[in-house]
Protein backbone atom coordinates (compact mmCIF):
# COMPACT_ATOMS: atom_id res chain seq x y z
CA MET A 1 -1.38 11.18 16.57
CA GLY A 2 -0.12 10.31 12.84
CA VAL A 3 2.73 10.73 11.14
CA LEU A 4 1.54 14.28 9.60
CA GLU A 5 1.07 15.37 12.56
CA SER A 6 4.21 13.86 13.94
CA LEU A 7 6.04 15.56 10.89
CA LYS A 8 4.88 18.95 11.89
CA LYS A 9 5.60 18.61 15.42
CA ALA A 10 9.27 17.52 14.60
CA GLY A 11 9.59 21.17 12.55
CA LEU A 12 8.17 19.76 8.69
CA ASP A 13 7.19 22.98 7.19
CA GLU A 14 6.91 21.72 3.19
CA ILE A 15 6.31 18.10 1.65
CA ARG A 16 5.99 17.09 -1.83
CA PHE A 17 3.39 14.43 -2.78
CA HIS A 18 4.72 12.44 -5.89
CA PRO A 19 1.37 9.94 -7.06
CA PRO A 20 0.74 8.05 -9.54
CA HIS A 21 -0.11 8.62 -12.78
CA ASN A 22 -3.49 6.82 -13.27
CA MET A 23 -4.10 8.61 -9.45
CA TRP A 24 -4.17 12.41 -10.73
CA LYS A 25 -7.34 12.82 -12.40
CA TYR A 26 -9.16 11.83 -9.34
CA ILE A 27 -6.89 12.73 -6.69
CA ASN A 28 -9.51 14.62 -5.09
CA ASN A 29 -10.68 11.34 -3.89
CA THR A 30 -7.85 9.30 -2.90
CA PHE A 31 -5.66 9.25 0.07
CA TYR A 32 -3.46 11.67 -1.77
CA GLY A 33 -6.16 14.36 -1.38
CA SER A 34 -6.56 13.55 2.27
CA SER A 35 -3.15 13.79 2.83
CA ILE A 36 -2.74 16.93 1.10
CA LYS A 37 -5.37 18.36 2.60
CA LEU A 38 -4.52 17.53 5.91
CA ALA A 39 -1.45 18.82 5.54
CA HIS A 40 -2.57 22.43 4.69
CA LYS A 41 -4.90 22.11 7.17
CA LEU A 42 -1.86 22.01 9.98
CA GLY A 43 -0.08 24.29 8.45
CA ILE A 44 2.70 22.78 5.71
CA SER A 45 2.95 23.92 2.57
CA VAL A 46 2.31 21.52 0.28
CA GLY A 47 3.06 20.31 -3.10
CA ILE A 48 2.85 17.74 -5.79
CA GLU A 49 5.64 16.68 -8.57
CA ILE A 50 5.13 15.59 -11.09
CA PRO A 51 6.94 14.72 -14.78
CA SER A 52 7.19 17.61 -16.75
CA ILE A 53 5.92 15.91 -20.05
CA ALA A 54 2.78 14.60 -18.16
CA SER A 55 -0.50 15.11 -20.30
CA ASP A 56 -3.20 15.79 -18.34
CA PHE A 57 -3.05 17.19 -14.99
CA SER A 58 -6.29 19.23 -14.25
CA GLY A 59 -7.53 17.10 -11.09
CA ILE A 60 -3.85 18.18 -9.74
CA LEU A 61 -4.10 21.33 -10.65
CA SER A 62 -7.71 22.19 -9.25
CA LEU A 63 -6.39 20.25 -5.80
CA LEU A 64 -3.76 22.34 -5.89
CA ASP A 65 -5.51 25.42 -6.24
CA GLU A 66 -7.77 24.59 -3.28
CA VAL A 67 -5.01 23.52 -0.51
CA ASP A 68 -3.16 27.12 -2.53
CA GLY A 69 -0.70 24.71 -2.90
CA PHE A 70 2.43 24.46 -5.70
CA LEU A 71 3.16 22.17 -8.53
CA ASN A 72 6.57 21.23 -9.46
CA LEU A 73 7.48 19.26 -12.80
CA ASN A 74 10.56 17.52 -13.10
CA GLU A 75 12.62 17.75 -16.10
CA LEU A 76 14.28 14.51 -15.08
CA GLU A 77 11.33 11.63 -13.97
CA PHE A 78 9.46 10.10 -16.88
CA PHE A 79 6.80 7.14 -16.47
CA ARG A 80 8.01 3.56 -17.49
CA ASN A 81 6.19 1.94 -20.56
CA GLU A 82 4.65 5.18 -22.10
CA PHE A 83 7.06 6.01 -24.33
């Protein structure tokens, strides 16, 4: 049994992922994409949390649309060395 299956069995009903900025555009082709799809398949509500000062997160929106997920924009989170 994998981690997500164990979490679901323990009663987890929602999970939020925090993918690094360099994976956002192609998130469907990363282990984050696979994990998000598996969580959705298991019946876990899935979300992605990113900094609210983010620029292009179209890849994330595409994935969330696919799994009926949610996006949380965190106003207190920021990128290091980006500004």
